């Protein structure tokens, strides 16, 4: 048996949800030790081959990969197809690929099930449409794009697209793969009457970096006891930096505790310029390290060497960056729009202020004044991730979903 995952992009610049597919498929192909309840599911899953079809999208650029042939990429079998890349950003972002269309039309019936990631994007839309026409069952993971905040962005275009094309595709899904209760509730409010299941993303626990805190402070040229607050996410208005940065400015002006702010991520150049202006207006440019997009060892150094992870988003259907911070023992400051907020409050892994400047500033001040209490929150966070979010556990549960669909 074979299951195909289809996603517009697996590029790191597209953020956690795209990268999660690589880890998901890798874990499915090498299912390891699982609980007794999952052993039957896992044995069946080992007889299934899991593959990915995607484009060579890499944001405004293209990935340097072999095209239209199977290749091993990040440890998983992937077939890349060329993305149409005009200078017009909106068309480029749609990720049109005629060769992907032709290949899916010819080969979709080679698969027993499709797991399609994203909506409102050409590869996902065409994969659902072709699977529907050819009678191949499919699952869709909408990546938060059916949540209220997301649907309000370019609202008119999305309403037309949903009514004309995507609603029919979604109605024929076997089920929706959602990553949080919050996402499920928001999707249900749309009245689509679709079956769904909740399964969060997993994470691979990174190896610890020796003396990460001192290494990071040496890199930044700051004293050994300076607290570091980390923002690591895509730079977009959705992320609420217009609340976080003024809140940091308030704390810098009214507390006796100096701190350093790392801003790691990239976005549209015009928005990046807005953020830099805001940092200057708040007087934070002199204590901010603008890291840009980071991966690999540098990313882990920032995560493991910082003291607080801050994400003040309007909406996150899950928040993979939050999970990455939890995995290395960082306490959290996240707002209620982040789906993991309820879990953070329940297990006391950090603080969850309202999305307003004063509330966020109070949370930051609390961290600066009680660093040991927050350190204990981070310790609880890493323990929770190890026990509940490892990819082998998530993969075994996902294999169970596949088994239920494919078993007559």
Protein backbone atom coordinates (compact mmCIF):
# COMPACT_ATOMS: atom_id res chain seq x y z
CA UNK A 1 0.00 0.00 0.00
CA UNK A 2 1.09 3.56 -0.63
CA UNK A 3 0.03 6.91 0.85
CA UNK A 4 0.98 10.19 -0.83
CA UNK A 5 1.37 13.49 1.00
CA UNK A 6 0.85 16.58 -1.15
CA UNK A 7 1.91 20.04 0.01
CA UNK A 8 2.75 23.27 -1.85
CA UNK A 9 6.23 23.56 -0.31
CA UNK A 10 8.60 21.88 2.13
CA UNK A 11 10.99 24.85 2.21
CA UNK A 12 12.21 25.96 5.63
CA UNK A 13 11.31 29.56 4.81
CA UNK A 14 7.64 28.52 4.74
CA UNK A 15 7.76 27.80 8.45
CA UNK A 16 6.84 24.99 10.80
CA UNK A 17 3.79 23.46 9.08
CA UNK A 18 5.75 22.79 5.88
CA UNK A 19 8.73 21.39 7.76
CA UNK A 20 6.42 19.22 9.87
CA UNK A 21 5.45 17.18 6.82
CA UNK A 22 9.05 16.07 6.38
CA UNK A 23 9.24 14.90 9.99
CA UNK A 24 5.78 13.34 9.79
CA UNK A 25 6.58 11.22 6.73
CA UNK A 26 10.00 10.27 8.07
CA UNK A 27 8.40 9.08 11.31
CA UNK A 28 5.71 7.14 9.44
CA UNK A 29 8.32 5.35 7.36
CA UNK A 30 10.37 4.34 10.40
CA UNK A 31 7.74 3.72 13.05
CA UNK A 32 9.59 2.64 16.18
CA UNK A 33 8.64 1.48 19.64
CA UNK A 34 5.06 2.28 20.56
CA UNK A 35 2.64 1.34 23.29
CA UNK A 36 0.97 -2.08 23.36
CA UNK A 37 -2.29 -0.55 22.11
CA UNK A 38 -0.55 0.74 19.00
CA UNK A 39 1.43 -2.36 18.03
CA UNK A 40 -1.18 -3.75 15.65
CA UNK A 41 -1.56 -0.38 13.93
CA UNK A 42 2.21 0.03 13.69
CA UNK A 43 2.70 -3.41 12.13
CA UNK A 44 0.17 -2.52 9.44
CA UNK A 45 1.73 0.91 8.94
CA UNK A 46 5.14 -0.65 8.27
CA UNK A 47 3.66 -2.31 5.19
CA UNK A 48 2.75 1.12 3.78
CA UNK A 49 5.15 3.33 1.82
CA UNK A 50 4.75 7.03 2.47
CA UNK A 51 5.87 9.59 -0.13
CA UNK A 52 5.62 13.36 -0.75
CA UNK A 53 4.78 15.31 -3.90
CA UNK A 54 5.51 19.04 -3.79
CA UNK A 55 6.97 21.94 -5.75
CA UNK A 56 10.44 23.44 -5.65
CA UNK A 57 9.06 26.57 -3.99
CA UNK A 58 11.47 28.37 -1.67
CA UNK A 59 9.66 31.63 -0.98
CA UNK A 60 10.74 34.18 -3.58
CA UNK A 61 13.41 31.70 -4.74
CA UNK A 62 13.47 28.06 -5.83
CA UNK A 63 14.98 25.04 -4.11
CA UNK A 64 18.04 23.55 -5.80
CA UNK A 65 16.64 20.03 -6.16
CA UNK A 66 16.16 17.36 -8.81
CA UNK A 67 12.83 17.76 -10.55
CA UNK A 68 10.18 15.28 -11.69
CA UNK A 69 11.95 12.21 -10.32
CA UNK A 70 12.02 10.52 -6.93
CA UNK A 71 14.77 11.77 -4.68
CA UNK A 72 15.74 11.36 -1.05
CA UNK A 73 15.35 14.76 0.65
CA UNK A 74 15.71 15.27 4.40
CA UNK A 75 15.49 11.51 4.77
CA UNK A 76 12.16 11.02 2.96
CA UNK A 77 11.16 10.10 -0.62
CA UNK A 78 10.00 13.25 -2.43
CA UNK A 79 9.09 14.11 -5.99
CA UNK A 80 9.62 17.81 -6.70
CA UNK A 81 7.85 19.65 -9.52
CA UNK A 82 8.72 23.07 -10.97
CA UNK A 83 6.71 26.00 -9.62
CA UNK A 84 5.62 28.71 -12.04
CA UNK A 85 7.67 31.71 -10.92
CA UNK A 86 6.55 35.02 -12.43
CA UNK A 87 7.61 38.34 -10.94
CA UNK A 88 4.07 38.99 -9.64
CA UNK A 89 4.16 37.82 -6.02
CA UNK A 90 0.48 36.84 -5.72
CA UNK A 91 0.68 34.53 -8.74
CA UNK A 92 4.00 33.09 -7.61
CA UNK A 93 2.62 32.35 -4.14
CA UNK A 94 -0.22 30.32 -5.65
CA UNK A 95 2.47 27.74 -6.61
CA UNK A 96 1.02 26.71 -9.97
CA UNK A 97 2.68 23.67 -11.49
CA UNK A 98 1.47 22.14 -14.76
CA UNK A 99 3.83 19.15 -14.45
CA UNK A 100 2.48 18.34 -10.97
CA UNK A 101 -1.02 18.41 -12.43
CA UNK A 102 -0.10 16.03 -15.25
CA UNK A 103 1.72 13.65 -12.91
CA UNK A 104 -1.15 13.54 -10.40
CA UNK A 105 -3.66 12.88 -13.18
CA UNK A 106 -1.60 9.93 -14.36
CA UNK A 107 -0.45 8.50 -11.03
CA UNK A 108 -2.97 9.37 -8.30
CA UNK A 109 -4.62 5.96 -8.61
CA UNK A 110 -1.28 4.35 -7.72
CA UNK A 111 -2.03 5.43 -4.14
CA UNK A 112 -4.52 4.11 -1.63
CA UNK A 113 -4.91 7.45 0.17
CA UNK A 114 -3.77 11.06 -0.16
CA UNK A 115 -2.95 13.30 2.80
CA UNK A 116 -3.17 16.82 1.39
CA UNK A 117 -1.78 19.78 3.31
CA UNK A 118 -3.10 23.36 2.92
CA UNK A 119 -6.01 24.91 1.03
CA UNK A 120 -6.21 28.04 -1.16
CA UNK A 121 -3.06 26.89 -2.95
CA UNK A 122 -2.80 25.30 -6.38
CA UNK A 123 -1.01 22.04 -5.49
CA UNK A 124 -3.47 21.27 -2.70
CA UNK A 125 -6.54 22.28 -4.67
CA UNK A 126 -5.61 20.31 -7.78
CA UNK A 127 -4.64 17.25 -5.72
CA UNK A 128 -8.06 17.20 -4.02
CA UNK A 129 -9.88 17.80 -7.31
CA UNK A 130 -8.04 15.02 -9.16
CA UNK A 131 -8.38 12.57 -6.27
CA UNK A 132 -12.10 13.36 -6.14
CA UNK A 133 -12.52 12.79 -9.88
CA UNK A 134 -10.49 9.57 -9.81
CA UNK A 135 -12.20 8.17 -6.70
CA UNK A 136 -9.11 8.11 -4.47
CA UNK A 137 -9.84 8.91 -0.80
CA UNK A 138 -8.07 11.87 0.75
CA UNK A 139 -7.55 13.73 4.01
CA UNK A 140 -6.92 17.47 4.23
CA UNK A 141 -4.87 19.35 6.82
CA UNK A 142 -5.90 23.00 6.30
CA UNK A 143 -2.97 24.52 8.26
CA UNK A 144 -5.19 26.97 10.10
CA UNK A 145 -6.49 28.49 6.87
CA UNK A 146 -10.09 27.79 7.90
CA UNK A 147 -9.63 29.72 11.16
CA UNK A 148 -11.40 33.04 11.63
CA UNK A 149 -8.35 35.31 11.48
CA UNK A 150 -6.99 33.66 8.35
CA UNK A 151 -10.33 33.80 6.52
CA UNK A 152 -10.58 37.53 7.25
CA UNK A 153 -7.37 38.17 5.31
CA UNK A 154 -8.16 38.75 1.60
CA UNK A 155 -11.67 37.87 2.66
CA UNK A 156 -13.49 38.49 -0.63
CA UNK A 157 -11.04 36.41 -2.69
CA UNK A 158 -11.21 33.52 -0.22
CA UNK A 159 -15.01 33.56 -0.14
CA UNK A 160 -15.12 33.27 -3.93
CA UNK A 161 -12.43 30.56 -4.00
CA UNK A 162 -14.14 28.59 -1.24
CA UNK A 163 -17.55 28.77 -2.88
CA UNK A 164 -16.38 28.09 -6.43
CA UNK A 165 -13.75 25.42 -5.84
CA UNK A 166 -12.60 24.47 -2.37
CA UNK A 167 -15.95 23.77 -0.69
CA UNK A 168 -16.61 20.84 -3.04
CA UNK A 169 -13.09 19.52 -2.46
CA UNK A 170 -13.49 19.74 1.31
CA UNK A 171 -16.93 18.14 1.29
CA UNK A 172 -15.46 15.01 -0.28
CA UNK A 173 -12.65 14.67 2.27
CA UNK A 174 -12.68 11.52 4.35
CA UNK A 175 -11.81 13.74 7.30
CA UNK A 176 -9.97 16.94 8.19
CA UNK A 177 -6.68 16.72 10.08
CA UNK A 178 -6.75 19.54 12.63
CA UNK A 179 -4.02 20.20 15.16
CA UNK A 180 -5.90 21.69 18.12
CA UNK A 181 -9.32 21.93 19.74
CA UNK A 182 -9.31 25.65 18.99
CA UNK A 183 -8.89 24.98 15.27
CA UNK A 184 -11.64 22.35 15.36
CA UNK A 185 -14.05 24.76 17.03
CA UNK A 186 -13.37 27.50 14.49
CA UNK A 187 -13.81 25.12 11.57
CA UNK A 188 -17.07 23.81 13.03
CA UNK A 189 -18.39 27.38 13.22
CA UNK A 190 -18.18 27.60 9.41
CA UNK A 191 -21.00 25.07 9.10
CA UNK A 192 -19.13 22.81 6.66
CA UNK A 193 -20.32 19.67 8.52
CA UNK A 194 -17.06 17.83 7.93
CA UNK A 195 -15.69 14.97 10.03
CA UNK A 196 -12.38 15.81 11.66
CA UNK A 197 -9.79 14.51 14.08
CA UNK A 198 -7.30 16.37 16.26
CA UNK A 199 -3.68 15.33 16.12
CA UNK A 200 -0.94 17.82 17.02
CA UNK A 201 2.42 18.12 15.37
CA UNK A 202 5.27 16.15 16.85
CA UNK A 203 8.84 17.20 17.41
CA UNK A 204 12.28 15.64 17.39
CA UNK A 205 14.09 16.54 20.61
CA UNK A 206 17.35 18.29 19.63
CA UNK A 207 20.65 17.37 21.26
CA UNK A 208 21.69 19.84 23.97
CA UNK A 209 24.34 22.42 23.12
CA UNK A 210 27.01 22.57 25.86
CA UNK A 211 27.09 25.97 27.60
CA UNK A 212 24.46 27.35 25.22
CA UNK A 213 23.66 30.33 27.48
CA UNK A 214 27.27 31.47 27.72
CA UNK A 215 27.91 30.79 24.02
CA UNK A 216 24.96 32.93 23.01
CA UNK A 217 25.95 35.82 25.28
CA UNK A 218 29.48 35.72 23.91
CA UNK A 219 28.05 35.84 20.38
CA UNK A 220 25.95 38.88 21.26
CA UNK A 221 28.68 40.55 23.29
CA UNK A 222 26.55 40.94 26.42
CA UNK A 223 27.10 40.11 30.07
CA UNK A 224 26.65 36.56 31.33
CA UNK A 225 23.60 37.41 33.46
CA UNK A 226 21.62 39.41 30.86
CA UNK A 227 18.15 37.86 30.29
CA UNK A 228 17.36 37.10 26.64
CA UNK A 229 13.84 37.20 25.23
CA UNK A 230 13.41 35.35 21.93
CA UNK A 231 10.90 35.85 19.13
CA UNK A 232 11.35 33.22 16.42
CA UNK A 233 8.70 33.05 13.75
CA UNK A 234 7.75 34.30 10.32
CA UNK A 235 7.62 38.10 10.22
CA UNK A 236 3.98 38.88 9.46
CA UNK A 237 1.32 41.18 10.87
CA UNK A 238 -0.43 38.07 12.21
CA UNK A 239 2.38 37.60 14.74
CA UNK A 240 1.45 40.68 16.78
CA UNK A 241 4.85 42.38 16.86
CA UNK A 242 3.01 45.71 17.02
CA UNK A 243 2.01 44.61 20.54
CA UNK A 244 5.16 42.78 21.63
CA UNK A 245 7.67 45.47 20.66
CA UNK A 246 5.89 48.36 22.44
CA UNK A 247 5.46 46.10 25.48
CA UNK A 248 9.20 45.46 25.49
CA UNK A 249 9.73 49.20 25.19
CA UNK A 250 7.59 49.80 28.26
CA UNK A 251 9.57 47.26 30.26
CA UNK A 252 12.88 48.74 29.21
CA UNK A 253 11.76 52.16 30.42
CA UNK A 254 10.18 51.15 33.72
CA UNK A 255 12.13 48.19 35.10
CA UNK A 256 15.56 48.01 36.68
CA UNK A 257 16.36 44.80 34.83
CA UNK A 258 18.20 45.11 31.50
CA UNK A 259 17.42 42.50 28.86
CA UNK A 260 18.27 41.60 25.28
CA UNK A 261 15.77 40.84 22.53
CA UNK A 262 16.45 38.44 19.65
CA UNK A 263 14.15 38.78 16.67
CA UNK A 264 14.62 35.75 14.40
CA UNK A 265 12.63 35.38 11.21
CA UNK A 266 12.01 36.95 7.85
CA UNK A 267 9.06 38.28 5.93
CA UNK A 268 8.02 40.69 3.22
CA UNK A 269 10.68 43.44 2.96
CA UNK A 270 8.11 46.19 3.44
CA UNK A 271 6.90 44.62 6.68
CA UNK A 272 10.46 44.04 7.87
CA UNK A 273 11.07 47.77 7.40
CA UNK A 274 7.98 48.54 9.53
CA UNK A 275 9.28 46.32 12.32
CA UNK A 276 12.72 47.95 12.25
CA UNK A 277 11.08 51.39 12.44
CA UNK A 278 9.02 50.24 15.43
CA UNK A 279 12.15 48.96 17.20
CA UNK A 280 13.81 52.35 16.72
CA UNK A 281 10.73 54.24 17.90
CA UNK A 282 10.68 52.20 21.09
CA UNK A 283 14.40 52.62 21.68
CA UNK A 284 14.94 48.87 21.38
CA UNK A 285 17.32 48.89 18.45
CA UNK A 286 20.27 49.18 20.85
CA UNK A 287 19.30 45.96 22.70
CA UNK A 288 17.92 43.90 19.80
CA UNK A 289 19.71 41.33 17.69
CA UNK A 290 18.05 41.14 14.26
CA UNK A 291 18.87 37.55 13.33
CA UNK A 292 16.92 37.09 10.11
CA UNK A 293 15.92 33.58 9.09
CA UNK A 294 17.86 30.95 11.04
CA UNK A 295 18.12 27.18 10.84
CA UNK A 296 20.30 24.38 12.16
CA UNK A 297 22.89 25.01 14.87
CA UNK A 298 22.33 28.77 14.98
CA UNK A 299 18.59 28.28 15.51
CA UNK A 300 19.24 25.80 18.32
CA UNK A 301 21.76 28.13 19.94
CA UNK A 302 19.13 30.88 20.05
CA UNK A 303 16.51 28.51 21.48
CA UNK A 304 18.75 26.82 24.04
CA UNK A 305 20.59 29.98 25.07
CA UNK A 306 17.57 32.23 25.60
CA UNK A 307 15.46 32.63 28.75
CA UNK A 308 11.92 33.35 27.48
CA UNK A 309 10.10 32.60 24.24
CA UNK A 310 7.53 35.21 23.19
CA UNK A 311 4.85 34.80 20.50
CA UNK A 312 1.98 37.30 20.62
CA UNK A 313 0.01 36.12 17.59
CA UNK A 314 -3.53 36.99 16.62
CA UNK A 315 -4.04 33.39 15.51
CA UNK A 316 -2.01 30.16 15.43
CA UNK A 317 -3.84 26.90 14.75
CA UNK A 318 -1.01 25.16 16.59
CA UNK A 319 2.33 26.96 16.94
CA UNK A 320 5.25 24.70 16.03
CA UNK A 321 7.76 27.34 17.12
CA UNK A 322 6.17 27.21 20.57
CA UNK A 323 6.64 23.45 20.69
CA UNK A 324 10.29 23.85 19.65
CA UNK A 325 10.82 26.28 22.52
CA UNK A 326 9.10 23.93 24.97
CA UNK A 327 11.29 21.03 23.84
CA UNK A 328 14.46 22.79 25.01
CA UNK A 329 12.96 24.01 28.29
CA UNK A 330 12.10 27.62 27.45
CA UNK A 331 9.23 29.17 29.44
CA UNK A 332 6.60 30.84 27.31
CA UNK A 333 4.82 34.13 26.89
CA UNK A 334 2.07 33.52 24.34
CA UNK A 335 -1.31 35.09 23.70
CA UNK A 336 -4.70 33.38 23.55
CA UNK A 337 -4.73 33.30 19.76
CA UNK A 338 -2.03 30.61 19.93
CA UNK A 339 -3.77 27.24 20.13
CA UNK A 340 -1.33 25.87 22.71
CA UNK A 341 -2.32 28.63 25.16
CA UNK A 342 -4.77 26.41 27.08
CA UNK A 343 -2.11 23.75 27.57
CA UNK A 344 0.41 26.37 28.71
CA UNK A 345 -2.04 27.59 31.35
CA UNK A 346 -3.12 24.10 32.42
CA UNK A 347 0.43 22.86 32.99
CA UNK A 348 1.90 26.22 34.09
CA UNK A 349 4.47 26.38 31.32
CA UNK A 350 4.50 30.17 31.10
CA UNK A 351 2.03 33.04 31.02
CA UNK A 352 -0.82 33.85 28.64
CA UNK A 353 -1.65 37.57 28.63
CA UNK A 354 -4.37 39.18 26.55
CA UNK A 355 -3.32 40.60 23.20
CA UNK A 356 -2.70 44.13 24.43
CA UNK A 357 0.45 46.10 25.17
CA UNK A 358 -0.12 46.55 28.91
CA UNK A 359 -0.90 42.87 29.53
CA UNK A 360 2.13 41.70 27.58
CA UNK A 361 4.35 44.24 29.34
CA UNK A 362 3.16 42.95 32.72
CA UNK A 363 4.02 39.41 31.65
CA UNK A 364 7.52 40.42 30.58
CA UNK A 365 8.07 42.33 33.83
CA UNK A 366 6.96 39.25 35.77
CA UNK A 367 9.58 37.17 33.95
CA UNK A 368 12.32 39.72 34.60
CA UNK A 369 11.44 39.86 38.30
CA UNK A 370 10.99 36.09 38.86
CA UNK A 371 13.51 34.29 36.62
CA UNK A 372 13.70 31.17 38.82
CA UNK A 373 9.94 30.64 38.76
CA UNK A 374 10.00 30.86 34.98
CA UNK A 375 12.92 28.45 34.81
CA UNK A 376 10.72 25.88 36.57
CA UNK A 377 7.99 26.51 33.99
CA UNK A 378 10.48 25.73 31.24
CA UNK A 379 11.51 22.50 32.94
CA UNK A 380 7.86 21.39 33.00
CA UNK A 381 7.52 22.29 29.33
CA UNK A 382 10.40 20.05 28.24
CA UNK A 383 9.03 17.15 30.31
CA UNK A 384 5.60 17.53 28.69
CA UNK A 385 7.03 17.54 25.17
CA UNK A 386 9.09 14.40 25.85
CA UNK A 387 6.05 12.53 27.15
CA UNK A 388 3.39 13.63 24.62
CA UNK A 389 4.84 15.11 21.44
CA UNK A 390 7.54 12.76 20.16
CA UNK A 391 7.12 11.97 16.47
CA UNK A 392 6.97 8.20 17.00
CA UNK A 393 3.88 8.65 19.19
CA UNK A 394 2.25 11.08 16.76
CA UNK A 395 3.07 8.86 13.77
CA UNK A 396 1.53 5.79 15.43
CA UNK A 397 -1.69 7.70 16.06
CA UNK A 398 -1.76 8.99 12.48
CA UNK A 399 -1.20 5.46 11.18
CA UNK A 400 -4.29 4.48 13.19
CA UNK A 401 -6.33 7.13 11.36
CA UNK A 402 -5.11 5.82 8.01
CA UNK A 403 -5.95 2.25 9.05
CA UNK A 404 -9.51 3.20 9.99
CA UNK A 405 -10.03 4.86 6.60
CA UNK A 406 -8.50 2.07 4.55
CA UNK A 407 -10.02 -0.85 6.43
CA UNK A 408 -13.41 -1.77 4.92
